[in-house]
Amino acid sequence: MVTRIQSVHFDASQQLMEFVEKKVAKLDKLCEGATTLEVSMKLIKPETANNKEVALRVMAPGGELFASKTSGTFEDALLSAIDAIKVQAEKNRNK
């Protein structure tokens, strides 16, 4: 599976990039046959308490899975988006 990570309105640290790569690698097992995974991290302006948004898009044989979550940290938003993708993958598998 090809993974693309994009940061919008900020430069992502190496530590954040490694965290993202580690967490999304688990989606490869969950979304069997997926070809592409796109991760978009966006800093929403003006700065507020929950100004970090993560969007996940998985191109799978059964269709496209998408989740977008906002939180106070990119890590929390990523974990919430991964959970949403897991739910969608389960629904697609049971069809």
PDB file of N, CA and C in Angstrom:
ATOM      1  N   MET A   1       0.851  -1.173   0.000  1.00  0.00           N
ATOM      2  CA  MET A   1       0.000   0.000   0.000  1.00  0.00           C
ATOM      3  C   MET A   1       0.895   1.234   0.000  1.00  0.00           C
ATOM      4  N   VAL A   2       0.580   2.177  -0.858  1.00  0.00           N
ATOM      5  CA  VAL A   2       1.320   3.430  -0.943  1.00  0.00           C
ATOM      6  C   VAL A   2       0.743   4.398   0.091  1.00  0.00           C
ATOM      7  N   THR A   3       1.614   4.987   0.894  1.00  0.00           N
ATOM      8  CA  THR A   3       1.190   5.926   1.926  1.00  0.00           C
ATOM      9  C   THR A   3       1.726   7.311   1.600  1.00  0.00           C
ATOM     10  N   ARG A   4       0.824   8.292   1.573  1.00  0.00           N
ATOM     11  CA  ARG A   4       1.208   9.689   1.354  1.00  0.00           C
ATOM     12  C   ARG A   4       0.811  10.492   2.591  1.00  0.00           C
ATOM     13  N   ILE A   5       1.769  11.250   3.121  1.00  0.00           N
ATOM     14  CA  ILE A   5       1.519  12.069   4.305  1.00  0.00           C
ATOM     15  C   ILE A   5       1.765  13.520   3.920  1.00  0.00           C
ATOM     16  N   GLN A   6       0.778  14.357   4.215  1.00  0.00           N
ATOM     17  CA  GLN A   6       0.868  15.766   3.857  1.00  0.00           C
ATOM     18  C   GLN A   6       0.542  16.619   5.080  1.00  0.00           C
ATOM     19  N   SER A   7       1.327  17.676   5.288  1.00  0.00           N
ATOM     20  CA  SER A   7       1.037  18.623   6.356  1.00  0.00           C
ATOM     21  C   SER A   7       0.726  19.974   5.723  1.00  0.00           C
ATOM     22  N   VAL A   8      -0.376  20.576   6.149  1.00  0.00           N
ATOM     23  CA  VAL A   8      -0.853  21.835   5.582  1.00  0.00           C
ATOM     24  C   VAL A   8      -0.750  22.928   6.647  1.00  0.00           C
ATOM     25  N   HIS A   9      -0.167  24.056   6.288  1.00  0.00           N
ATOM     26  CA  HIS A   9      -0.019  25.238   7.150  1.00  0.00           C
ATOM     27  C   HIS A   9       0.991  25.048   8.276  1.00  0.00           C
ATOM     28  N   PHE A  10       1.829  24.008   8.221  1.00  0.00           N
ATOM     29  CA  PHE A  10       2.888  23.813   9.211  1.00  0.00           C
ATOM     30  C   PHE A  10       3.879  22.779   8.694  1.00  0.00           C
ATOM     31  N   ASP A  11       5.053  22.739   9.310  1.00  0.00           N
ATOM     32  CA  ASP A  11       6.058  21.732   9.001  1.00  0.00           C
ATOM     33  C   ASP A  11       6.020  20.674  10.097  1.00  0.00           C
ATOM     34  N   ALA A  12       5.695  19.449   9.718  1.00  0.00           N
ATOM     35  CA  ALA A  12       5.584  18.362  10.688  1.00  0.00           C
ATOM     36  C   ALA A  12       6.972  17.937  11.169  1.00  0.00           C
ATOM     37  N   SER A  13       7.073  17.677  12.463  1.00  0.00           N
ATOM     38  CA  SER A  13       8.338  17.216  13.033  1.00  0.00           C
ATOM     39  C   SER A  13       8.585  15.765  12.637  1.00  0.00           C
ATOM     40  N   GLN A  14       9.831  15.364  12.715  1.00  0.00           N
ATOM     41  CA  GLN A  14      10.187  13.974  12.396  1.00  0.00           C
ATOM     42  C   GLN A  14       9.488  13.010  13.347  1.00  0.00           C
ATOM     43  N   GLN A  15       9.361  13.406  14.605  1.00  0.00           N
ATOM     44  CA  GLN A  15       8.697  12.564  15.603  1.00  0.00           C
ATOM     45  C   GLN A  15       7.222  12.360  15.241  1.00  0.00           C
ATOM     46  N   LEU A  16       6.548  13.417  14.801  1.00  0.00           N
ATOM     47  CA  LEU A  16       5.141  13.305  14.401  1.00  0.00           C
ATOM     48  C   LEU A  16       5.007  12.416  13.165  1.00  0.00           C
ATOM     49  N   MET A  17       5.907  12.578  12.202  1.00  0.00           N
ATOM     50  CA  MET A  17       5.856  11.764  10.988  1.00  0.00           C
ATOM     51  C   MET A  17       6.053  10.283  11.313  1.00  0.00           C
ATOM     52  N   GLU A  18       6.969   9.976  12.211  1.00  0.00           N
ATOM     53  CA  GLU A  18       7.203   8.584  12.610  1.00  0.00           C
ATOM     54  C   GLU A  18       5.989   8.013  13.324  1.00  0.00           C
ATOM     55  N   PHE A  19       5.343   8.822  14.167  1.00  0.00           N
ATOM     56  CA  PHE A  19       4.138   8.383  14.877  1.00  0.00           C
ATOM     57  C   PHE A  19       3.041   8.043  13.866  1.00  0.00           C
ATOM     58  N   VAL A  20       2.843   8.912  12.886  1.00  0.00           N
ATOM     59  CA  VAL A  20       1.816   8.696  11.864  1.00  0.00           C
ATOM     60  C   VAL A  20       2.108   7.419  11.080  1.00  0.00           C
ATOM     61  N   GLU A  21       3.351   7.258  10.635  1.00  0.00           N
ATOM     62  CA  GLU A  21       3.712   6.066   9.860  1.00  0.00           C
ATOM     63  C   GLU A  21       3.494   4.791  10.657  1.00  0.00           C
ATOM     64  N   LYS A  22       3.832   4.828  11.930  1.00  0.00           N
ATOM     65  CA  LYS A  22       3.671   3.640  12.784  1.00  0.00           C
ATOM     66  C   LYS A  22       2.192   3.278  12.943  1.00  0.00           C
ATOM     67  N   LYS A  23       1.364   4.276  13.173  1.00  0.00           N
ATOM     68  CA  LYS A  23      -0.059   4.009  13.415  1.00  0.00           C
ATOM     69  C   LYS A  23      -0.804   3.596  12.142  1.00  0.00           C
ATOM     70  N   VAL A  24      -0.509   4.240  11.016  1.00  0.00           N
ATOM     71  CA  VAL A  24      -1.248   3.899   9.795  1.00  0.00           C
ATOM     72  C   VAL A  24      -0.772   2.589   9.185  1.00  0.00           C
ATOM     73  N   ALA A  25       0.401   2.119   9.569  1.00  0.00           N
ATOM     74  CA  ALA A  25       0.883   0.827   9.066  1.00  0.00           C
ATOM     75  C   ALA A  25      -0.064  -0.300   9.477  1.00  0.00           C
ATOM     76  N   LYS A  26      -0.738  -0.132  10.602  1.00  0.00           N
ATOM     77  CA  LYS A  26      -1.676  -1.152  11.074  1.00  0.00           C
ATOM     78  C   LYS A  26      -2.922  -1.239  10.186  1.00  0.00           C
ATOM     79  N   LEU A  27      -3.228  -0.148   9.474  1.00  0.00           N
ATOM     80  CA  LEU A  27      -4.397  -0.159   8.596  1.00  0.00           C
ATOM     81  C   LEU A  27      -4.202  -1.090   7.403  1.00  0.00           C
ATOM     82  N   ASP A  28      -2.961  -1.358   7.051  1.00  0.00           N
ATOM     83  CA  ASP A  28      -2.678  -2.245   5.925  1.00  0.00           C
ATOM     84  C   ASP A  28      -3.267  -3.631   6.166  1.00  0.00           C
ATOM     85  N   LYS A  29      -3.185  -4.108   7.392  1.00  0.00           N
ATOM     86  CA  LYS A  29      -3.744  -5.417   7.734  1.00  0.00           C
ATOM     87  C   LYS A  29      -5.272  -5.368   7.763  1.00  0.00           C
ATOM     88  N   LEU A  30      -5.815  -4.268   8.245  1.00  0.00           N
ATOM     89  CA  LEU A  30      -7.256  -4.136   8.404  1.00  0.00           C
ATOM     90  C   LEU A  30      -7.969  -3.963   7.064  1.00  0.00           C
ATOM     91  N   CYS A  31      -7.400  -3.152   6.200  1.00  0.00           N
ATOM     92  CA  CYS A  31      -7.998  -2.866   4.891  1.00  0.00           C
ATOM     93  C   CYS A  31      -7.278  -3.688   3.834  1.00  0.00           C
ATOM     94  N   GLU A  32      -7.621  -4.955   3.743  1.00  0.00           N
ATOM     95  CA  GLU A  32      -6.945  -5.855   2.816  1.00  0.00           C
ATOM     96  C   GLU A  32      -7.187  -5.419   1.369  1.00  0.00           C
ATOM     97  N   GLY A  33      -6.120  -5.402   0.603  1.00  0.00           N
ATOM     98  CA  GLY A  33      -6.222  -5.032  -0.797  1.00  0.00           C
ATOM     99  C   GLY A  33      -6.221  -3.536  -1.056  1.00  0.00           C
ATOM    100  N   ALA A  34      -6.074  -2.735  -0.013  1.00  0.00           N
ATOM    101  CA  ALA A  34      -6.046  -1.281  -0.197  1.00  0.00           C
ATOM    102  C   ALA A  34      -4.798  -0.902  -0.986  1.00  0.00           C
ATOM    103  N   THR A  35      -4.961   0.054  -1.888  1.00  0.00           N
ATOM    104  CA  THR A  35      -3.847   0.453  -2.743  1.00  0.00           C
ATOM    105  C   THR A  35      -3.165   1.731  -2.277  1.00  0.00           C
ATOM    106  N   THR A  36      -3.939   2.675  -1.756  1.00  0.00           N
ATOM    107  CA  THR A  36      -3.390   3.974  -1.387  1.00  0.00           C
ATOM    108  C   THR A  36      -3.979   4.437  -0.063  1.00  0.00           C
ATOM    109  N   LEU A  37      -3.137   5.052   0.750  1.00  0.00           N
ATOM    110  CA  LEU A  37      -3.560   5.668   2.004  1.00  0.00           C
ATOM    111  C   LEU A  37      -3.024   7.089   2.017  1.00  0.00           C
ATOM    112  N   GLU A  38      -3.921   8.056   2.142  1.00  0.00           N
ATOM    113  CA  GLU A  38      -3.523   9.453   2.189  1.00  0.00           C
ATOM    114  C   GLU A  38      -3.833  10.007   3.568  1.00  0.00           C
ATOM    115  N   VAL A  39      -2.832  10.653   4.175  1.00  0.00           N
ATOM    116  CA  VAL A  39      -2.987  11.282   5.476  1.00  0.00           C
ATOM    117  C   VAL A  39      -2.742  12.770   5.276  1.00  0.00           C
ATOM    118  N   SER A  40      -3.714  13.584   5.656  1.00  0.00           N
ATOM    119  CA  SER A  40      -3.576  15.030   5.547  1.00  0.00           C
ATOM    120  C   SER A  40      -3.729  15.627   6.936  1.00  0.00           C
ATOM    121  N   MET A  41      -2.682  16.310   7.396  1.00  0.00           N
ATOM    122  CA  MET A  41      -2.725  16.975   8.704  1.00  0.00           C
ATOM    123  C   MET A  41      -2.777  18.473   8.454  1.00  0.00           C
ATOM    124  N   LYS A  42      -3.746  19.133   9.071  1.00  0.00           N
ATOM    125  CA  LYS A  42      -3.965  20.548   8.797  1.00  0.00           C
ATOM    126  C   LYS A  42      -4.062  21.328  10.097  1.00  0.00           C
ATOM    127  N   LEU A  43      -3.376  22.450  10.136  1.00  0.00           N
ATOM    128  CA  LEU A  43      -3.441  23.361  11.269  1.00  0.00           C
ATOM    129  C   LEU A  43      -4.484  24.414  10.943  1.00  0.00           C
ATOM    130  N   ILE A  44      -5.570  24.429  11.708  1.00  0.00           N
ATOM    131  CA  ILE A  44      -6.678  25.335  11.448  1.00  0.00           C
ATOM    132  C   ILE A  44      -6.383  26.670  12.131  1.00  0.00           C
ATOM    133  N   LYS A  45      -6.558  27.745  11.391  1.00  0.00           N
ATOM    134  CA  LYS A  45      -6.306  29.078  11.940  1.00  0.00           C
ATOM    135  C   LYS A  45      -7.628  29.809  12.050  1.00  0.00           C
ATOM    136  N   PRO A  46      -7.859  30.660  13.017  1.00  0.00           N
ATOM    137  CA  PRO A  46      -6.944  31.077  14.077  1.00  0.00           C
ATOM    138  C   PRO A  46      -6.812  29.993  15.133  1.00  0.00           C
ATOM    139  N   GLU A  47      -5.778  30.128  15.926  1.00  0.00           N
ATOM    140  CA  GLU A  47      -5.517  29.099  16.935  1.00  0.00           C
ATOM    141  C   GLU A  47      -6.614  29.073  17.989  1.00  0.00           C
ATOM    142  N   THR A  48      -7.163  27.887  18.178  1.00  0.00           N
ATOM    143  CA  THR A  48      -8.164  27.637  19.202  1.00  0.00           C
ATOM    144  C   THR A  48      -7.763  26.371  19.935  1.00  0.00           C
ATOM    145  N   ALA A  49      -8.604  25.911  20.834  1.00  0.00           N
ATOM    146  CA  ALA A  49      -8.275  24.726  21.628  1.00  0.00           C
ATOM    147  C   ALA A  49      -8.146  23.482  20.741  1.00  0.00           C
ATOM    148  N   ASN A  50      -9.063  23.297  19.824  1.00  0.00           N
ATOM    149  CA  ASN A  50      -9.058  22.119  18.949  1.00  0.00           C
ATOM    150  C   ASN A  50      -8.810  22.563  17.514  1.00  0.00           C
ATOM    151  N   ASN A  51      -7.566  22.893  17.205  1.00  0.00           N
ATOM    152  CA  ASN A  51      -7.264  23.442  15.885  1.00  0.00           C
ATOM    153  C   ASN A  51      -6.417  22.520  15.022  1.00  0.00           C
ATOM    154  N   LYS A  52      -6.381  21.236  15.342  1.00  0.00           N
ATOM    155  CA  LYS A  52      -5.587  20.296  14.553  1.00  0.00           C
ATOM    156  C   LYS A  52      -6.516  19.256  13.939  1.00  0.00           C
ATOM    157  N   GLU A  53      -6.476  19.160  12.611  1.00  0.00           N
ATOM    158  CA  GLU A  53      -7.367  18.271  11.878  1.00  0.00           C
ATOM    159  C   GLU A  53      -6.550  17.232  11.119  1.00  0.00           C
ATOM    160  N   VAL A  54      -7.006  15.984  11.184  1.00  0.00           N
ATOM    161  CA  VAL A  54      -6.381  14.892  10.436  1.00  0.00           C
ATOM    162  C   VAL A  54      -7.460  14.241   9.581  1.00  0.00           C
ATOM    163  N   ALA A  55      -7.158  14.086   8.292  1.00  0.00           N
ATOM    164  CA  ALA A  55      -8.072  13.416   7.371  1.00  0.00           C
ATOM    165  C   ALA A  55      -7.366  12.189   6.807  1.00  0.00           C
ATOM    166  N   LEU A  56      -8.054  11.052   6.837  1.00  0.00           N
ATOM    167  CA  LEU A  56      -7.529   9.803   6.283  1.00  0.00           C
ATOM    168  C   LEU A  56      -8.406   9.390   5.107  1.00  0.00           C
ATOM    169  N   ARG A  57      -7.767   8.997   4.012  1.00  0.00           N
ATOM    170  CA  ARG A  57      -8.478   8.499   2.843  1.00  0.00           C
ATOM    171  C   ARG A  57      -7.804   7.189   2.430  1.00  0.00           C
ATOM    172  N   VAL A  58      -8.580   6.108   2.395  1.00  0.00           N
ATOM    173  CA  VAL A  58      -8.061   4.793   2.022  1.00  0.00           C
ATOM    174  C   VAL A  58      -8.770   4.345   0.745  1.00  0.00           C
ATOM    175  N   MET A  59      -7.981   4.071  -0.277  1.00  0.00           N
ATOM    176  CA  MET A  59      -8.535   3.557  -1.536  1.00  0.00           C
ATOM    177  C   MET A  59      -8.502   2.037  -1.458  1.00  0.00           C
ATOM    178  N   ALA A  60      -9.674   1.431  -1.289  1.00  0.00           N
ATOM    179  CA  ALA A  60      -9.780  -0.015  -1.122  1.00  0.00           C
ATOM    180  C   ALA A  60     -10.614  -0.591  -2.264  1.00  0.00           C
ATOM    181  N   PRO A  61     -10.517  -1.910  -2.503  1.00  0.00           N
ATOM    182  CA  PRO A  61     -11.282  -2.531  -3.590  1.00  0.00           C
ATOM    183  C   PRO A  61     -12.792  -2.334  -3.459  1.00  0.00           C
ATOM    184  N   GLY A  62     -13.307  -2.288  -2.243  1.00  0.00           N
ATOM    185  CA  GLY A  62     -14.746  -2.121  -2.029  1.00  0.00           C
ATOM    186  C   GLY A  62     -15.210  -0.684  -2.138  1.00  0.00           C
ATOM    187  N   GLY A  63     -14.296   0.247  -2.301  1.00  0.00           N
ATOM    188  CA  GLY A  63     -14.636   1.662  -2.368  1.00  0.00           C
ATOM    189  C   GLY A  63     -13.657   2.485  -1.547  1.00  0.00           C
ATOM    190  N   GLU A  64     -13.988   3.739  -1.407  1.00  0.00           N
ATOM    191  CA  GLU A  64     -13.115   4.660  -0.682  1.00  0.00           C
ATOM    192  C   GLU A  64     -13.589   4.811   0.760  1.00  0.00           C
ATOM    193  N   LEU A  65     -12.649   4.761   1.692  1.00  0.00           N
ATOM    194  CA  LEU A  65     -12.949   5.000   3.100  1.00  0.00           C
ATOM    195  C   LEU A  65     -12.362   6.353   3.469  1.00  0.00           C
ATOM    196  N   PHE A  66     -13.138   7.186   4.181  1.00  0.00           N
ATOM    197  CA  PHE A  66     -12.671   8.520   4.533  1.00  0.00           C
ATOM    198  C   PHE A  66     -13.107   8.871   5.943  1.00  0.00           C
ATOM    199  N   ALA A  67     -12.190   9.508   6.684  1.00  0.00           N
ATOM    200  CA  ALA A  67     -12.515  10.001   8.021  1.00  0.00           C
ATOM    201  C   ALA A  67     -11.720  11.268   8.267  1.00  0.00           C
ATOM    202  N   SER A  68     -12.359  12.238   8.894  1.00  0.00           N
ATOM    203  CA  SER A  68     -11.704  13.493   9.242  1.00  0.00           C
ATOM    204  C   SER A  68     -12.064  13.816  10.685  1.00  0.00           C
ATOM    205  N   LYS A  69     -11.048  14.048  11.506  1.00  0.00           N
ATOM    206  CA  LYS A  69     -11.268  14.325  12.924  1.00  0.00           C
ATOM    207  C   LYS A  69     -10.448  15.534  13.350  1.00  0.00           C
ATOM    208  N   THR A  70     -10.971  16.286  14.309  1.00  0.00           N
ATOM    209  CA  THR A  70     -10.312  17.469  14.848  1.00  0.00           C
ATOM    210  C   THR A  70     -10.104  17.276  16.339  1.00  0.00           C
ATOM    211  N   SER A  71      -8.936  17.718  16.827  1.00  0.00           N
ATOM    212  CA  SER A  71      -8.610  17.566  18.242  1.00  0.00           C
ATOM    213  C   SER A  71      -7.581  18.621  18.642  1.00  0.00           C
ATOM    214  N   GLY A  72      -7.160  18.560  19.887  1.00  0.00           N
ATOM    215  CA  GLY A  72      -6.146  19.472  20.397  1.00  0.00           C
ATOM    216  C   GLY A  72      -4.740  19.085  19.982  1.00  0.00           C
ATOM    217  N   THR A  73      -4.535  17.797  19.625  1.00  0.00           N
ATOM    218  CA  THR A  73      -3.232  17.342  19.155  1.00  0.00           C
ATOM    219  C   THR A  73      -3.424  16.509  17.897  1.00  0.00           C
ATOM    220  N   PHE A  74      -2.405  16.485  17.060  1.00  0.00           N
ATOM    221  CA  PHE A  74      -2.481  15.673  15.845  1.00  0.00           C
ATOM    222  C   PHE A  74      -2.557  14.189  16.189  1.00  0.00           C
ATOM    223  N   GLU A  75      -1.888  13.794  17.252  1.00  0.00           N
ATOM    224  CA  GLU A  75      -1.893  12.380  17.648  1.00  0.00           C
ATOM    225  C   GLU A  75      -3.300  11.918  18.004  1.00  0.00           C
ATOM    226  N   ASP A  76      -4.024  12.720  18.808  1.00  0.00           N
ATOM    227  CA  ASP A  76      -5.394  12.346  19.188  1.00  0.00           C
ATOM    228  C   ASP A  76      -6.320  12.333  17.981  1.00  0.00           C
ATOM    229  N   ALA A  77      -6.180  13.321  17.118  1.00  0.00           N
ATOM    230  CA  ALA A  77      -7.017  13.373  15.919  1.00  0.00           C
ATOM    231  C   ALA A  77      -6.743  12.174  15.017  1.00  0.00           C
ATOM    232  N   LEU A  78      -5.468  11.784  14.886  1.00  0.00           N
ATOM    233  CA  LEU A  78      -5.113  10.627  14.063  1.00  0.00           C
ATOM    234  C   LEU A  78      -5.727   9.350  14.626  1.00  0.00           C
ATOM    235  N   LEU A  79      -5.611   9.153  15.916  1.00  0.00           N
ATOM    236  CA  LEU A  79      -6.160   7.944  16.534  1.00  0.00           C
ATOM    237  C   LEU A  79      -7.677   7.876  16.366  1.00  0.00           C
ATOM    238  N   SER A  80      -8.361   9.006  16.489  1.00  0.00           N
ATOM    239  CA  SER A  80      -9.817   9.036  16.290  1.00  0.00           C
ATOM    240  C   SER A  80     -10.181   8.719  14.848  1.00  0.00           C
ATOM    241  N   ALA A  81      -9.411   9.256  13.902  1.00  0.00           N
ATOM    242  CA  ALA A  81      -9.675   8.988  12.488  1.00  0.00           C
ATOM    243  C   ALA A  81      -9.427   7.516  12.152  1.00  0.00           C
ATOM    244  N   ILE A  82      -8.381   6.940  12.735  1.00  0.00           N
ATOM    245  CA  ILE A  82      -8.099   5.513  12.514  1.00  0.00           C
ATOM    246  C   ILE A  82      -9.249   4.661  13.035  1.00  0.00           C
ATOM    247  N   ASP A  83      -9.776   5.009  14.207  1.00  0.00           N
ATOM    248  CA  ASP A  83     -10.917   4.274  14.756  1.00  0.00           C
ATOM    249  C   ASP A  83     -12.119   4.349  13.813  1.00  0.00           C
ATOM    250  N   ALA A  84     -12.361   5.521  13.233  1.00  0.00           N
ATOM    251  CA  ALA A  84     -13.483   5.682  12.303  1.00  0.00           C
ATOM    252  C   ALA A  84     -13.272   4.840  11.039  1.00  0.00           C
ATOM    253  N   ILE A  85     -12.046   4.784  10.552  1.00  0.00           N
ATOM    254  CA  ILE A  85     -11.735   3.962   9.374  1.00  0.00           C
ATOM    255  C   ILE A  85     -11.943   2.488   9.693  1.00  0.00           C
ATOM    256  N   LYS A  86     -11.565   2.071  10.897  1.00  0.00           N
ATOM    257  CA  LYS A  86     -11.756   0.676  11.304  1.00  0.00           C
ATOM    258  C   LYS A  86     -13.234   0.298  11.261  1.00  0.00           C
ATOM    259  N   VAL A  87     -14.106   1.183  11.744  1.00  0.00           N
ATOM    260  CA  VAL A  87     -15.540   0.917  11.732  1.00  0.00           C
ATOM    261  C   VAL A  87     -16.041   0.781  10.299  1.00  0.00           C
ATOM    262  N   GLN A  88     -15.595   1.689   9.422  1.00  0.00           N
ATOM    263  CA  GLN A  88     -16.013   1.628   8.016  1.00  0.00           C
ATOM    264  C   GLN A  88     -15.510   0.351   7.349  1.00  0.00           C
ATOM    265  N   ALA A  89     -14.275  -0.051   7.655  1.00  0.00           N
ATOM    266  CA  ALA A  89     -13.710  -1.267   7.067  1.00  0.00           C
ATOM    267  C   ALA A  89     -14.503  -2.492   7.502  1.00  0.00           C
ATOM    268  N   GLU A  90     -14.916  -2.528   8.758  1.00  0.00           N
ATOM    269  CA  GLU A  90     -15.737  -3.640   9.250  1.00  0.00           C
ATOM    270  C   GLU A  90     -17.069  -3.694   8.532  1.00  0.00           C
ATOM    271  N   LYS A  91     -17.691  -2.540   8.312  1.00  0.00           N
ATOM    272  CA  LYS A  91     -18.977  -2.502   7.609  1.00  0.00           C
ATOM    273  C   LYS A  91     -18.811  -2.999   6.174  1.00  0.00           C
ATOM    274  N   ASN A  92     -17.731  -2.582   5.509  1.00  0.00           N
ATOM    275  CA  ASN A  92     -17.483  -3.035   4.137  1.00  0.00           C
ATOM    276  C   ASN A  92     -17.224  -4.524   4.067  1.00  0.00           C
ATOM    277  N   ARG A  93     -16.544  -5.051   5.072  1.00  0.00           N
ATOM    278  CA  ARG A  93     -16.216  -6.475   5.098  1.00  0.00           C
ATOM    279  C   ARG A  93     -17.479  -7.311   5.283  1.00  0.00           C
ATOM    280  N   ASN A  94     -18.470  -6.790   6.033  1.00  0.00           N
ATOM    281  CA  ASN A  94     -19.684  -7.546   6.322  1.00  0.00           C
ATOM    282  C   ASN A  94     -20.728  -7.445   5.219  1.00  0.00           C
ATOM    283  N   LYS A  95     -20.471  -6.644   4.180  1.00  0.00           N
ATOM    284  CA  LYS A  95     -21.455  -6.509   3.092  1.00  0.00           C
ATOM    285  C   LYS A  95     -21.461  -7.727   2.202  1.00  0.00           C
TER     286      LYS A  95
END
